């Protein structure tokens, strides 16, 4: 069983930065694709960024170079560095692990609020 624990959310002013972290338990992290999703109130959950087990990355169109996903396999942790935050980035951010055999695990979410 895999558990994912996110941290790093909070309140930030427009233009500010936050770094989210997601720590995984178990021993499949390095073989798994990791992703960050977000869900704003009243909206569908959407992909923010993903990183594959081989280190490839992909981002949602709205990111526009502002966010960077990275992973540390030794620490079994995936990060999301978010810069130039906008009020539209306000959402609950969720970490997702896609295991090699197809199982999907989600974290409990961390709230990001961008407001002056």
Protein backbone atom coordinates (compact mmCIF):
# COMPACT_ATOMS: atom_id res chain seq x y z
CA UNK A 1 0.00 0.00 0.00
CA UNK A 2 1.20 3.46 -0.91
CA UNK A 3 0.49 6.60 1.05
CA UNK A 4 1.10 10.08 -0.29
CA UNK A 5 1.44 13.09 1.98
CA UNK A 6 1.42 16.57 0.47
CA UNK A 7 2.72 19.69 2.15
CA UNK A 8 3.68 23.25 1.30
CA UNK A 9 0.34 24.82 0.51
CA UNK A 10 -0.82 28.08 1.99
CA UNK A 11 -1.79 31.67 1.33
CA UNK A 12 0.39 33.69 -1.02
CA UNK A 13 0.04 37.05 -2.72
CA UNK A 14 -0.28 37.31 -6.51
CA UNK A 15 3.15 37.06 -8.10
CA UNK A 16 4.48 35.00 -5.22
CA UNK A 17 5.89 31.50 -5.09
CA UNK A 18 5.21 28.24 -3.31
CA UNK A 19 6.87 24.86 -3.33
CA UNK A 20 4.69 21.82 -2.84
CA UNK A 21 6.08 18.49 -1.72
CA UNK A 22 4.61 15.00 -1.86
CA UNK A 23 6.28 12.22 0.08
CA UNK A 24 5.46 8.63 -0.77
CA UNK A 25 5.65 5.48 1.31
CA UNK A 26 6.44 2.05 -0.06
CA UNK A 27 9.08 1.02 -2.53
CA UNK A 28 7.61 1.68 -5.97
CA UNK A 29 8.19 5.44 -6.16
CA UNK A 30 11.15 5.30 -8.53
CA UNK A 31 9.23 3.06 -10.95
CA UNK A 32 6.11 5.21 -10.92
CA UNK A 33 4.85 8.19 -12.83
CA UNK A 34 4.08 11.07 -10.51
CA UNK A 35 1.74 13.97 -11.12
CA UNK A 36 0.20 17.02 -9.57
CA UNK A 37 -3.45 17.80 -10.19
CA UNK A 38 -5.57 20.63 -8.92
CA UNK A 39 -9.23 21.22 -8.34
CA UNK A 40 -10.77 24.62 -7.83
CA UNK A 41 -14.17 25.01 -6.20
CA UNK A 42 -16.89 24.10 -8.67
CA UNK A 43 -14.45 22.92 -11.33
CA UNK A 44 -13.14 19.58 -12.52
CA UNK A 45 -9.80 18.25 -11.40
CA UNK A 46 -7.11 19.09 -13.97
CA UNK A 47 -3.55 18.01 -14.60
CA UNK A 48 -0.92 20.52 -13.54
CA UNK A 49 2.27 18.60 -14.23
CA UNK A 50 3.62 15.08 -14.43
CA UNK A 51 6.99 13.38 -14.35
CA UNK A 52 7.59 9.89 -15.63
CA UNK A 53 9.77 7.24 -14.03
CA UNK A 54 12.42 8.04 -16.67
CA UNK A 55 12.36 11.74 -15.86
CA UNK A 56 10.22 13.09 -18.66
CA UNK A 57 7.85 15.93 -17.83
CA UNK A 58 4.65 17.43 -19.14
CA UNK A 59 2.58 20.43 -18.07
CA UNK A 60 -0.92 21.76 -18.37
CA UNK A 61 -1.29 24.51 -20.95
CA UNK A 62 -2.12 27.06 -18.28
CA UNK A 63 1.26 26.60 -16.59
CA UNK A 64 3.06 28.67 -19.26
CA UNK A 65 6.51 28.11 -17.82
CA UNK A 66 5.62 29.21 -14.31
CA UNK A 67 5.74 25.81 -12.59
CA UNK A 68 8.42 23.13 -12.44
CA UNK A 69 7.90 19.52 -11.39
CA UNK A 70 10.85 17.53 -10.09
CA UNK A 71 11.45 14.31 -8.21
CA UNK A 72 13.98 12.89 -5.79
CA UNK A 73 13.82 9.11 -5.96
CA UNK A 74 16.13 8.68 -2.97
CA UNK A 75 13.71 10.69 -0.82
CA UNK A 76 10.63 9.28 -2.59
CA UNK A 77 9.39 12.81 -3.00
CA UNK A 78 7.98 14.83 -5.88
CA UNK A 79 7.99 18.61 -5.85
CA UNK A 80 6.08 21.35 -7.59
CA UNK A 81 7.77 24.73 -7.67
CA UNK A 82 5.18 27.36 -8.48
CA UNK A 83 6.23 30.89 -9.42
CA UNK A 84 4.30 33.94 -10.61
CA UNK A 85 1.16 32.67 -8.94
CA UNK A 86 -2.15 34.14 -9.99
CA UNK A 87 -5.53 34.17 -8.23
CA UNK A 88 -6.68 31.66 -10.85
CA UNK A 89 -4.18 29.17 -9.38
CA UNK A 90 -6.23 28.98 -6.19
CA UNK A 91 -7.21 25.34 -5.73
CA UNK A 92 -6.61 22.18 -3.78
CA UNK A 93 -3.51 20.52 -5.19
CA UNK A 94 -3.30 16.74 -5.21
CA UNK A 95 -0.40 14.39 -5.71
CA UNK A 96 -0.99 11.24 -7.76
CA UNK A 97 1.13 8.13 -8.15
CA UNK A 98 0.60 5.84 -11.13
CA UNK A 99 2.20 2.51 -10.32
CA UNK A 100 3.77 0.26 -12.98
CA UNK A 101 0.83 -2.18 -12.90
CA UNK A 102 -1.71 0.60 -13.22
CA UNK A 103 -2.80 1.22 -9.64
CA UNK A 104 -3.45 4.86 -8.87
CA UNK A 105 -2.92 6.47 -5.49
CA UNK A 106 -3.89 9.97 -4.42
CA UNK A 107 -2.80 12.20 -1.60
CA UNK A 108 -5.19 14.07 0.62
CA UNK A 109 -4.53 17.42 -1.03
CA UNK A 110 -3.04 20.72 0.05
CA UNK A 111 -4.79 24.06 -0.36
CA UNK A 112 -3.17 26.87 -2.30
CA UNK A 113 -4.81 30.28 -2.06
CA UNK A 114 -3.52 33.21 -4.09
CA UNK A 115 -4.95 36.46 -2.84
CA UNK A 116 -3.93 39.94 -1.83
